[in-house]
Amino acid sequence: MSVQTKYFDEDGKIVINRSQDIQRILDFNKERNIDGHNRKSDMRLAGSIPFVVIEMWMKECGAKLGSPELNEYIKKKLMSGEFSKLVANGY
């Protein structure tokens, strides 16, 4: 699940394109939702988020990885329903 980085020259500007094959992450989350894995545990996996998505959200909210601001932003994104495929265990 490595991240691929490509660089392009577009009208004299350097464009950086980062991509990641996320199908295995989506399949993992779906499997956790189906089997109810650790649903009653005090500590459970909320979801798996591809690194390229984390990078995008860091840029959107202007916060660093591990900061309380980014953690709150991620929580809102996951609970919005728009990114439900990133959620595991019915978070």
Protein backbone atom coordinates (compact mmCIF):
# COMPACT_ATOMS: atom_id res chain seq x y z
CA MET A 1 0.00 0.00 0.00
CA SER A 2 2.77 2.36 -0.86
CA VAL A 3 2.20 5.93 -1.95
CA GLN A 4 3.30 6.80 -5.48
CA THR A 5 4.56 10.30 -6.19
CA LYS A 6 4.78 11.77 -9.69
CA TYR A 7 6.14 15.18 -10.64
CA PHE A 8 4.97 17.15 -13.67
CA ASP A 9 5.94 20.45 -15.24
CA GLU A 10 2.75 22.29 -16.12
CA ASP A 11 3.06 25.81 -17.54
CA GLY A 12 6.31 26.37 -15.66
CA LYS A 13 4.88 25.13 -12.37
CA ILE A 14 5.83 21.91 -10.65
CA VAL A 15 2.78 19.73 -10.02
CA ILE A 16 3.03 16.89 -7.52
CA ASN A 17 0.56 14.03 -7.82
CA ARG A 18 0.36 11.52 -4.97
CA SER A 19 -1.73 8.37 -5.28
CA GLN A 20 -2.31 5.16 -3.38
CA ASP A 21 -4.19 1.95 -4.16
CA ILE A 22 -6.70 1.88 -1.31
CA GLN A 23 -8.81 -1.15 -2.22
CA ARG A 24 -7.26 -3.38 0.48
CA ILE A 25 -8.03 -0.72 3.11
CA LEU A 26 -11.64 -0.46 1.95
CA ASP A 27 -12.00 -4.25 1.94
CA PHE A 28 -10.55 -4.46 5.47
CA ASN A 29 -13.01 -1.85 6.78
CA LYS A 30 -15.94 -3.57 5.06
CA GLU A 31 -14.97 -6.92 6.57
CA ARG A 32 -14.85 -5.37 10.06
CA ASN A 33 -18.33 -3.90 9.57
CA ILE A 34 -19.79 -7.24 8.47
CA ASP A 35 -18.37 -9.43 11.23
CA GLY A 36 -18.83 -6.98 14.12
CA HIS A 37 -15.20 -7.53 15.13
CA ASN A 38 -14.62 -6.28 18.71
CA ARG A 39 -17.84 -4.25 18.64
CA LYS A 40 -18.31 -4.63 22.43
CA SER A 41 -14.71 -3.96 23.42
CA ASP A 42 -13.75 -0.82 25.33
CA MET A 43 -11.03 -0.19 22.77
CA ARG A 44 -11.69 -0.92 19.13
CA LEU A 45 -10.52 0.12 15.71
CA ALA A 46 -12.55 3.09 14.42
CA GLY A 47 -11.31 2.74 10.85
CA SER A 48 -8.37 2.65 8.50
CA ILE A 49 -7.62 5.79 6.54
CA PRO A 50 -5.26 5.84 3.55
CA PHE A 51 -2.25 8.09 4.06
CA VAL A 52 -3.06 10.16 0.96
CA VAL A 53 -6.45 10.98 2.52
CA ILE A 54 -4.78 11.99 5.80
CA GLU A 55 -2.42 14.25 3.81
CA MET A 56 -5.40 15.83 2.05
CA TRP A 57 -7.20 16.46 5.34
CA MET A 58 -4.04 17.91 6.91
CA LYS A 59 -3.84 20.38 4.04
CA GLU A 60 -7.57 21.22 4.24
CA CYS A 61 -7.54 22.02 7.95
CA GLY A 62 -3.98 23.35 8.15
CA ALA A 63 -3.03 21.12 11.08
CA LYS A 64 -0.12 18.78 11.71
CA LEU A 65 -0.34 15.01 12.06
CA GLY A 66 -1.22 14.05 15.63
CA SER A 67 -2.53 17.49 16.58
CA PRO A 68 -5.84 17.83 18.46
CA GLU A 69 -7.14 20.02 15.61
CA LEU A 70 -6.49 17.34 13.00
CA ASN A 71 -7.93 14.62 15.23
CA GLU A 72 -11.17 16.60 15.62
CA TYR A 73 -11.26 17.31 11.85
CA ILE A 74 -10.84 13.59 11.08
CA LYS A 75 -13.57 12.66 13.55
CA LYS A 76 -15.98 15.09 11.85
CA LYS A 77 -15.09 13.72 8.41
CA LEU A 78 -15.65 10.12 9.50
CA MET A 79 -18.94 10.91 11.22
CA SER A 80 -20.27 12.94 8.26
CA GLY A 81 -21.17 9.79 6.33
CA GLU A 82 -19.30 10.99 3.23
CA PHE A 83 -16.34 8.76 4.10
CA SER A 84 -18.27 5.79 5.53
CA LYS A 85 -16.08 3.28 3.66
CA LEU A 86 -13.14 4.35 5.83
CA VAL A 87 -15.02 3.46 9.02
CA ALA A 88 -14.76 0.05 10.70
CA ASN A 89 -16.85 -1.42 13.50
CA GLY A 90 -19.74 1.03 13.11
CA TYR A 91 -17.83 3.96 14.63
